[in-house]
Protein backbone atom coordinates (compact mmCIF):
# COMPACT_ATOMS: atom_id res chain seq x y z
CA MET A 1 12.31 124.48 79.35
CA LYS A 2 11.92 127.80 77.58
CA SER A 3 13.12 126.40 74.23
CA ALA A 4 10.91 123.30 74.44
CA LEU A 5 7.85 125.36 75.25
CA THR A 6 8.46 127.71 72.32
CA THR A 7 8.83 124.74 69.95
CA LEU A 8 5.62 123.21 71.23
CA LEU A 9 3.72 126.45 70.75
CA CYS A 10 5.07 126.89 67.23
CA PHE A 11 3.95 123.37 66.35
CA ALA A 12 0.46 124.01 67.72
CA SER A 13 0.24 127.22 65.75
CA LEU A 14 1.30 125.66 62.45
CA THR A 15 -1.02 122.66 62.70
CA SER A 16 -4.10 124.60 63.75
CA ALA A 17 -3.87 128.09 62.22
CA LEU A 18 -5.57 127.16 58.95
CA THR A 19 -8.59 125.57 60.60
CA ALA A 20 -9.03 127.82 63.62
CA GLU A 21 -12.45 129.43 63.60
CA LYS A 22 -13.58 129.52 67.21
CA THR A 23 -12.59 132.20 69.70
CA VAL A 24 -10.73 130.90 72.72
CA GLU A 25 -12.79 131.34 75.86
CA LEU A 26 -11.71 133.81 78.49
CA ALA A 27 -11.14 131.03 80.99
CA HIS A 28 -8.01 129.91 79.14
CA PHE A 29 -6.40 133.32 79.58
CA ARG A 30 -7.27 133.32 83.26
CA ARG A 31 -5.67 129.90 83.69
CA LEU A 32 -2.35 131.36 82.59
CA PHE A 33 -2.23 132.77 86.12
CA SER A 34 -2.43 129.28 87.62
CA LYS A 35 0.34 127.93 89.83
CA ASP A 36 -0.01 124.51 88.16
CA PRO A 37 2.43 124.18 85.19
CA THR A 38 0.17 121.60 83.55
CA VAL A 39 -2.83 123.95 83.57
CA ILE A 40 -0.66 126.76 82.18
CA LYS A 41 0.65 124.57 79.36
CA GLU A 42 -2.79 123.27 78.40
CA SER A 43 -4.22 126.80 78.19
CA ALA A 44 -1.19 128.02 76.25
CA LEU A 45 -1.67 125.27 73.67
CA GLU A 46 -5.36 126.12 73.33
CA ILE A 47 -4.57 129.79 72.78
CA ALA A 48 -1.70 129.17 70.37
CA GLY A 49 -3.57 126.47 68.47
CA ASN A 50 -6.52 128.79 67.77
CA TRP A 51 -4.56 131.98 67.40
CA GLN A 52 -6.13 135.32 66.51
CA ASP A 53 -4.41 138.70 66.70
CA SER A 54 -7.17 139.83 69.07
CA TYR A 55 -5.52 137.67 71.76
CA THR A 56 -2.43 139.90 71.84
CA PRO A 57 -3.74 142.63 74.20
CA LEU A 58 -5.03 140.03 76.67
CA LEU A 59 -1.62 138.38 76.78
CA ILE A 60 0.32 141.64 77.10
CA GLU A 61 -1.80 142.76 80.03
CA SER A 62 -1.50 139.30 81.55
CA LEU A 63 2.27 139.46 81.18
CA ARG A 64 2.39 142.65 83.23
CA PHE A 65 0.63 141.05 86.19
CA ALA A 66 1.39 137.31 85.93
CA PRO A 67 2.63 136.29 89.40
CA GLU A 68 4.51 133.12 88.46
CA LYS A 69 7.71 132.89 86.42
CA ALA A 70 6.30 129.93 84.51
CA SER A 71 3.32 132.05 83.50
CA GLN A 72 5.52 134.92 82.36
CA LEU A 73 7.72 132.63 80.24
CA THR A 74 4.71 130.95 78.68
CA ILE A 75 2.98 134.23 77.80
CA ALA A 76 6.18 135.66 76.33
CA ALA A 77 6.66 132.50 74.27
CA ILE A 78 3.14 132.71 72.82
CA LEU A 79 3.62 136.36 71.97
CA ALA A 80 7.02 135.76 70.37
CA THR A 81 5.64 132.94 68.24
CA HIS A 82 2.81 135.00 66.80
CA THR A 83 4.32 138.48 66.58
CA GLY A 84 7.80 137.69 65.37
CA LEU A 85 9.29 139.72 68.21
CA ASP A 86 11.90 138.39 70.58
CA LYS A 87 10.52 136.63 73.65
CA ASP A 88 12.51 139.04 75.82
CA SER A 89 10.78 142.09 74.33
CA ASP A 90 9.46 144.63 76.82
CA LEU A 91 5.85 145.75 77.20
CA THR A 92 6.36 148.77 74.96
CA GLU A 93 7.51 146.60 72.05
CA TRP A 94 4.57 144.25 72.46
CA TRP A 95 2.13 147.16 72.62
CA HIS A 96 3.60 148.82 69.55
CA TRP A 97 3.03 145.60 67.61
CA ALA A 98 -0.57 145.30 68.83
CA TRP A 99 -1.49 148.92 68.11
CA LYS A 100 -0.37 148.64 64.51
CA LYS A 101 -3.09 146.06 63.93
CA PRO A 102 -6.70 146.98 63.08
CA TYR A 103 -8.78 147.13 66.24
CA GLN A 104 -10.81 143.92 66.30
CA PRO A 105 -11.04 143.11 70.00
CA HIS A 106 -11.74 139.72 71.49
CA PRO A 107 -15.51 139.57 72.21
CA GLU A 108 -14.78 139.24 75.93
CA TYR A 109 -11.96 141.78 76.08
CA ALA A 110 -13.90 144.27 78.21
CA GLU A 111 -14.81 141.50 80.65
CA PHE A 112 -11.17 140.42 80.71
CA LYS A 113 -10.09 143.92 81.72
CA ALA A 114 -12.87 144.10 84.31
CA GLY A 115 -11.78 140.83 85.89
CA LEU A 116 -8.07 141.61 85.75
CA TYR A 117 -8.18 145.09 87.22
CA GLU A 118 -10.75 144.39 89.91
CA LEU A 119 -7.98 142.33 91.50
CA ILE A 120 -6.18 145.63 92.04
CA ASP A 121 -9.21 147.75 92.96
CA PRO A 122 -12.73 146.20 92.98
CA ARG A 123 -14.12 149.53 91.77
CA PHE A 124 -12.15 149.22 88.52
CA ARG A 125 -14.66 146.61 87.31
CA GLU A 126 -17.29 149.36 86.94
CA TYR A 127 -15.37 150.95 84.07
CA PHE A 128 -15.36 147.84 81.87
CA ASP A 129 -18.39 145.86 83.06
CA GLU A 130 -21.06 144.77 80.58
CA ASN A 131 -19.03 145.62 77.46
CA PRO A 132 -19.44 149.42 77.69
CA LYS A 133 -19.76 151.84 74.80
CA SER A 134 -16.40 153.26 73.86
CA GLU A 135 -15.02 155.97 71.58
CA ILE A 136 -11.44 154.78 72.08
CA ARG A 137 -9.56 151.49 71.78
CA LEU A 138 -9.79 149.58 75.04
CA ASP A 139 -6.32 148.14 74.45
CA GLU A 140 -4.91 151.67 74.68
CA ILE A 141 -6.39 152.15 78.15
CA ARG A 142 -3.57 151.38 80.55
CA TRP A 143 -3.45 151.30 84.30
CA GLY A 144 -1.42 154.21 85.68
CA GLY A 145 -0.33 152.44 88.86
CA VAL A 146 -2.77 154.02 91.35
CA LEU A 147 -6.17 153.12 92.76
CA ARG A 148 -9.31 155.10 91.97
CA ASP A 149 -8.72 158.57 93.41
CA GLY A 150 -5.37 157.22 94.60
CA ILE A 151 -4.16 160.65 93.51
CA PRO A 152 -6.62 162.53 95.71
CA PRO A 153 -8.29 165.61 94.23
CA LEU A 154 -8.47 168.85 96.17
CA LYS A 155 -12.06 169.85 96.84
CA ASP A 156 -12.87 173.36 98.03
CA PRO A 157 -9.23 173.78 99.10
CA LYS A 158 -8.06 176.30 101.66
CA THR A 159 -6.68 179.49 100.17
CA ILE A 160 -4.63 182.36 101.53
CA LYS A 161 -3.85 185.92 100.47
CA ALA A 162 -0.80 186.59 98.31
CA ALA A 163 1.06 188.28 101.17
CA GLN A 164 0.70 185.13 103.29
CA ALA A 165 2.16 182.80 100.65
CA ASP A 166 5.72 182.91 101.94
CA TYR A 167 6.27 179.35 100.71
CA LEU A 168 6.29 180.59 97.08
CA LYS A 169 9.16 182.25 95.24
CA ASP A 170 8.66 184.54 92.26
CA ASP A 171 9.89 181.95 89.72
CA HIS A 172 7.64 179.13 90.94
CA VAL A 173 5.10 177.95 88.37
CA VAL A 174 1.42 178.62 89.00
CA PHE A 175 -1.78 178.09 87.05
CA GLY A 176 -3.83 181.27 87.20
CA VAL A 177 -7.58 181.81 86.72
CA SER A 178 -9.81 184.85 87.10
CA PHE A 179 -13.60 184.85 86.95
CA ASN A 180 -15.98 187.71 87.72
CA GLY A 181 -13.19 189.77 89.23
CA GLU A 182 -11.79 187.07 91.53
CA ALA A 183 -8.28 185.76 90.83
CA ARG A 184 -6.75 182.54 92.13
CA ALA A 185 -3.42 180.77 91.66
CA TYR A 186 -2.85 177.02 91.83
CA PRO A 187 0.86 176.24 92.30
CA LYS A 188 2.15 173.42 90.13
CA ARG A 189 4.14 172.09 93.10
CA ILE A 190 0.84 171.33 94.86
CA LEU A 191 -1.29 170.21 91.93
CA ALA A 192 1.39 167.74 90.79
CA TRP A 193 0.42 165.68 93.86
CA HIS A 194 -3.35 165.94 93.31
CA GLU A 195 -3.88 166.47 89.57
CA MET A 196 -7.38 167.82 90.11
CA VAL A 197 -8.89 170.75 91.97
CA LYS A 198 -12.62 171.31 92.45
CA ASP A 199 -13.22 174.88 93.39
CA THR A 200 -15.48 177.92 93.13
CA VAL A 201 -13.93 181.15 91.83
CA GLY A 202 -15.95 184.29 91.28
CA GLY A 203 -19.11 182.29 91.94
CA ARG A 204 -18.21 179.83 89.19
CA SER A 205 -17.87 176.10 89.85
CA ILE A 206 -14.74 174.84 88.12
CA ASN A 207 -12.78 171.64 87.74
CA GLY A 208 -9.08 172.13 87.11
CA VAL A 209 -7.37 169.01 85.78
CA TYR A 210 -3.59 168.84 85.71
CA CYS A 211 -2.21 165.84 83.80
CA THR A 212 1.39 165.59 84.95
CA LEU A 213 2.34 163.05 82.29
CA CYS A 214 1.13 165.16 79.37
CA GLY A 215 1.92 168.54 80.94
CA SER A 216 -1.54 170.09 80.61
CA MET A 217 -3.62 172.10 83.04
CA ILE A 218 -7.16 172.51 81.71
CA VAL A 219 -9.97 174.23 83.58
CA TYR A 220 -13.53 173.14 82.85
CA ASP A 221 -16.94 174.43 83.79
CA THR A 222 -18.45 171.61 85.86
CA LEU A 223 -21.91 172.20 84.38
CA HIS A 224 -23.27 170.91 81.09
CA ASN A 225 -26.86 171.85 80.29
CA LYS A 226 -27.17 172.92 83.95
CA LYS A 227 -26.18 169.45 85.21
CA HIS A 228 -23.18 169.16 87.52
CA TYR A 229 -20.69 166.36 86.90
CA GLU A 230 -18.61 165.31 89.88
CA LEU A 231 -15.35 163.98 88.48
CA GLY A 232 -12.47 162.02 89.96
CA THR A 233 -9.24 160.27 88.99
CA SER A 234 -10.01 156.90 87.40
CA GLY A 235 -6.52 155.44 87.81
CA PHE A 236 -6.21 154.79 84.06
CA LEU A 237 -4.55 156.53 81.12
CA TYR A 238 -5.17 156.81 77.40
CA ARG A 239 -2.10 157.63 75.33
CA SER A 240 -0.43 158.79 78.53
CA ASN A 241 -3.32 161.18 79.16
CA LYS A 242 -5.22 161.05 82.42
CA LEU A 243 -8.72 159.56 82.29
CA MET A 244 -11.27 160.94 84.73
CA TYR A 245 -14.52 159.27 85.82
CA ASP A 246 -17.85 160.66 86.98
CA HIS A 247 -19.25 159.55 90.31
CA GLU A 248 -22.78 158.95 89.06
CA THR A 249 -22.24 156.56 86.13
CA GLN A 250 -18.54 155.61 86.42
CA SER A 251 -18.06 156.57 82.79
CA MET A 252 -14.45 157.40 81.95
CA TRP A 253 -13.77 160.88 80.59
CA SER A 254 -10.97 162.24 78.45
CA THR A 255 -9.06 164.93 80.32
CA ILE A 256 -7.92 166.66 77.17
CA GLU A 257 -11.39 166.70 75.58
CA GLY A 258 -13.59 167.06 78.66
CA LYS A 259 -16.06 164.41 77.53
CA PRO A 260 -17.02 160.78 78.28
CA VAL A 261 -15.17 158.24 76.13
CA VAL A 262 -16.07 154.93 77.81
CA GLY A 263 -19.31 153.99 79.56
CA PRO A 264 -23.01 154.90 79.78
CA LEU A 265 -22.52 158.60 78.95
CA VAL A 266 -20.80 157.98 75.60
CA GLY A 267 -22.77 159.32 72.64
CA LYS A 268 -25.00 161.65 74.68
CA GLY A 269 -23.41 164.85 73.41
CA ILE A 270 -21.81 165.75 76.73
CA GLN A 271 -18.69 167.92 76.60
CA LEU A 272 -17.61 170.33 79.30
CA LYS A 273 -16.71 173.88 78.35
CA PRO A 274 -12.99 174.70 78.71
CA LEU A 275 -12.37 177.97 80.55
CA THR A 276 -9.44 180.36 80.50
CA VAL A 277 -6.28 179.49 82.42
CA VAL A 278 -2.69 180.65 82.12
CA THR A 279 0.57 178.96 83.09
CA SER A 280 2.71 181.69 84.63
CA THR A 281 5.12 182.38 87.45
CA TRP A 282 4.03 183.40 90.90
CA GLY A 283 5.85 186.72 90.63
CA GLU A 284 4.20 187.66 87.33
CA TRP A 285 0.73 186.51 88.40
CA ARG A 286 0.92 188.36 91.72
CA LYS A 287 2.09 191.54 89.95
CA ARG A 288 -0.92 191.41 87.65
CA HIS A 289 -3.31 190.38 90.42
CA PRO A 290 -2.16 191.80 93.78
CA ASP A 291 -5.49 190.74 95.35
CA THR A 292 -5.18 187.14 94.19
CA THR A 293 -5.65 184.23 96.54
CA VAL A 294 -3.53 181.10 96.30
CA LEU A 295 -3.67 177.55 97.63
CA SER A 296 -2.57 177.03 101.19
CA LEU A 297 -0.07 174.30 102.01
CA ASP A 298 -2.67 173.08 104.49
CA THR A 299 -4.38 170.72 102.03
CA GLY A 300 -5.37 168.02 104.49
CA PHE A 301 -2.77 165.66 103.01
CA GLN A 302 0.81 164.89 103.97
CA ARG A 303 2.95 165.56 100.88
CA ASP A 304 6.32 167.12 100.13
CA TYR A 305 5.10 170.21 98.31
CA GLY A 306 8.60 171.50 97.57
CA GLU A 307 9.12 173.10 94.16
CA GLY A 308 10.08 170.48 91.60
CA VAL A 309 9.78 167.52 94.00
CA ALA A 310 6.84 165.67 92.41
CA TYR A 311 7.66 163.87 89.14
CA ASN A 312 11.15 165.36 89.12
CA SER A 313 12.71 162.37 87.34
CA TYR A 314 9.95 162.36 84.72
CA PHE A 315 10.25 166.06 83.94
CA SER A 316 14.05 165.89 83.77
CA THR A 317 14.14 163.69 80.63
CA ASP A 318 12.29 163.47 77.32
CA ARG A 319 11.35 159.83 77.89
CA LEU A 320 7.74 158.79 78.32
CA MET A 321 6.49 156.73 81.24
CA PHE A 322 3.78 155.06 79.15
CA ALA A 323 4.21 154.39 75.45
CA ILE A 324 1.93 155.77 72.76
CA PRO A 325 1.34 154.26 69.30
CA GLN A 326 4.35 154.91 67.08
CA GLU A 327 2.22 156.55 64.41
CA PHE A 328 1.69 159.52 66.75
CA GLU A 329 5.36 160.09 67.51
CA ASP A 330 6.43 163.37 65.92
CA LYS A 331 10.04 164.56 66.02
CA ARG A 332 9.35 168.12 64.88
CA LEU A 333 9.48 168.97 68.57
CA LEU A 334 10.72 167.14 71.63
CA ASN A 335 8.13 164.99 73.37
CA LYS A 336 7.92 167.31 76.36
CA ASP A 337 8.23 170.67 74.64
CA SER A 338 5.45 172.73 76.21
CA ILE A 339 3.32 173.95 73.30
CA LEU A 340 0.40 176.36 73.56
CA ALA A 341 -2.73 174.42 72.59
CA LEU A 342 -5.69 176.12 70.96
CA ARG A 343 -9.02 174.75 69.73
CA PHE A 344 -10.81 176.68 67.00
CA GLY A 345 -13.61 174.15 66.61
CA LYS A 346 -14.63 170.52 67.02
CA GLY A 347 -13.14 169.27 63.76
CA PRO A 348 -9.84 167.30 63.75
CA LYS A 349 -8.12 170.04 61.75
CA ASP A 350 -9.37 172.83 64.03
CA LYS A 351 -6.65 172.23 66.62
CA VAL A 352 -3.45 174.31 66.66
CA ALA A 353 -0.19 174.00 68.58
CA PHE A 354 2.22 176.92 68.87
CA ALA A 355 5.87 176.02 69.41
CA PRO A 356 7.42 177.58 72.55
CA LYS A 357 10.48 179.04 70.75
CA LEU A 358 8.21 180.85 68.31
CA LEU A 359 6.15 182.55 71.03
CA LYS A 360 9.23 183.48 73.03
CA LYS A 361 10.70 185.14 69.94
CA HIS A 362 7.43 186.88 69.00
CA PRO A 363 5.60 188.24 72.09
CA ILE A 364 2.90 189.56 69.74
CA TYR A 365 2.00 186.78 67.34
CA PRO A 366 -1.03 187.15 65.01
CA HIS A 367 -2.59 183.99 63.60
CA ARG A 368 -5.49 183.24 61.31
CA HIS A 369 -7.47 180.00 61.22
CA GLY A 370 -10.21 180.00 58.62
CA ASP A 371 -12.24 183.14 59.22
CA THR A 372 -11.00 183.58 62.78
CA GLU A 373 -8.15 185.96 63.57
CA VAL A 374 -6.38 185.88 66.91
CA VAL A 375 -3.31 187.30 68.56
CA VAL A 376 -1.13 185.35 70.97
CA LEU A 377 0.42 187.56 73.64
CA THR A 378 3.34 186.08 75.57
CA ASP A 379 4.77 187.97 78.54
CA ARG A 380 8.27 187.85 80.01
CA SER A 381 7.39 184.90 82.25
CA GLY A 382 6.46 182.84 79.18
CA ALA A 383 2.74 183.01 79.95
CA SER A 384 0.62 183.15 76.79
CA ARG A 385 -2.92 184.43 76.35
CA VAL A 386 -4.98 184.37 73.15
CA TYR A 387 -7.51 186.98 72.07
CA GLU A 388 -9.74 187.33 69.02
CA THR A 389 -8.76 190.41 67.01
CA LYS A 390 -11.60 190.93 64.50
CA GLY A 391 -9.21 192.68 62.15
CA GLN A 392 -7.33 194.73 64.76
CA VAL A 393 -3.57 194.73 64.33
CA PHE A 394 -1.42 195.28 67.42
CA GLU A 395 2.06 196.73 67.03
CA LYS A 396 3.25 197.52 70.55
CA TRP A 397 2.89 195.84 73.92
CA ASP A 398 4.67 196.54 77.18
CA GLN A 399 4.26 192.80 78.02
CA GLY A 400 2.13 193.99 80.89
CA VAL A 401 -1.38 195.35 80.39
CA LYS A 402 -0.94 198.11 77.77
CA LEU A 403 -1.14 197.54 74.00
CA THR A 404 -1.26 199.88 71.04
CA ASP A 405 -2.83 199.02 67.70
CA LYS A 406 -1.59 200.18 64.28
CA ASN A 407 -3.79 203.26 64.50
CA GLY A 408 -2.24 204.34 67.78
CA LEU A 409 -5.28 203.41 69.87
CA GLU A 410 -4.44 202.10 73.35
CA TRP A 411 -5.87 198.86 74.68
CA THR A 412 -5.84 197.22 78.11
CA LEU A 413 -5.21 193.50 78.67
CA THR A 414 -7.31 191.67 81.26
CA GLU A 415 -7.86 187.98 81.85
CA ASP A 416 -11.25 188.24 80.12
CA ALA A 417 -10.62 190.49 77.14
CA LEU A 418 -8.69 193.27 75.44
CA THR A 419 -10.55 196.55 75.86
CA SER A 420 -9.96 199.91 74.17
CA LYS A 421 -10.55 203.43 75.43
CA SER A 422 -13.29 203.72 72.84
CA GLY A 423 -15.20 200.87 74.47
CA GLN A 424 -14.32 198.05 72.08
CA SER A 425 -13.81 194.57 73.54
CA LEU A 426 -12.02 191.54 72.10
CA ALA A 427 -12.76 188.28 73.90
CA ARG A 428 -10.12 185.91 75.17
CA PHE A 429 -9.89 182.39 73.78
CA SER A 430 -9.50 179.36 76.01
CA SER A 431 -6.00 177.92 75.61
CA HIS A 432 -3.56 175.94 77.71
CA ASN A 433 -0.06 174.52 77.74
CA ALA A 434 0.60 170.84 77.01
CA PHE A 435 3.49 168.57 76.17
CA TRP A 436 3.80 168.19 72.41
CA PHE A 437 3.50 164.39 72.45
CA GLY A 438 0.30 164.49 74.55
CA TRP A 439 -1.48 167.03 72.36
CA ARG A 440 -0.29 165.43 69.09
CA SER A 441 -1.40 161.92 70.13
CA ALA A 442 -4.84 163.27 71.06
CA TYR A 443 -5.17 165.34 67.89
CA PRO A 444 -2.99 163.79 65.14
CA GLU A 445 -4.15 166.35 62.57
CA THR A 446 -3.27 169.34 64.72
CA HIS A 447 -1.58 172.22 62.90
CA LEU A 448 1.88 172.98 64.34
CA VAL A 449 2.93 176.62 64.08
CA GLN A 450 6.68 176.90 64.51
């Protein structure tokens, strides 16, 4: 049956490819999900006989969810005929072929995605309905396997004092923030289950977004031009990077950029301000901030918050869970090497990644980008902070809070700035850790410092 179907599809392709001008209607792709073999075959012949490369994403996504074996075999046969790949290729191989092609989507592709994914969660239709504006390829938006807010965010979570956090050991990873004199730690072991925390620290409303797949914890100001954006987990990914959504318009937002990329808010100049955050250990953070508060295990959800439990199998290998276009694969570092990511501006070449081995070897690392000079300070826990130097050169650091510049002047490190006894202040830059593959696929022109 499989061989006969493939031959039939090849014949349809050869006899019709030269004269095909019309675009196959969406109904034919939907009929591939039929339980009637005759309906499936008729639709397959229509698709193959009027082939366009824009059909490929529709078929790949259909292949992932097709309920009947006959449907799966038919879809694979069509794909094999027109891509040259083996009919037993996996989804990653099909996607790699599709992403190498210029993006010329089927005119009803957005509607196709809306109809397909509303079968999983009716709310998913809102993301793709009415052919929304988009800054990214819709065929690179992949379902992550959860419903909207299926990974529930923590909102105004309960916190406890450091002395009460007996569930944490000194070497456990935490994400630390400090605003207006108030310090707070968000343990990775908790955020890995929630991926988003909406909180107020030092009177500042923040949205911390932890993308487990791309290894980044970014903290954003929730206000843009004094407007508050209530964000949630969309359930979808772009190049393995978590996509958020806002409750008001259901636009999808890039986690790594903090801006809308699909939907009504695209093109309106909205981009949330990234704030300072550091990936450290509980012992180091608590030593620096003895008055810090930290998340309580009483989150309102039943989860195994043990250290290293969530995503253990994913973190233990260098393999990706969701493929990215091959053009963004970069073997200079391992996929999941945790680089320090820094943005000097909005341009594609204004992004910098510092390799972890470099920073470990050089606790004081000066760097210049254009007219901006910074110093990256990495303590014994591996936590890195970046400060503008304005020409100051630092020669000594106790890897705690005391630095000395080349003139012998002493400086003090805080989460906000470097300050000298003479009253000078050097502001801290927003930076964060990320897996190399996630940062590189978001910013292909990033400068790697290694």
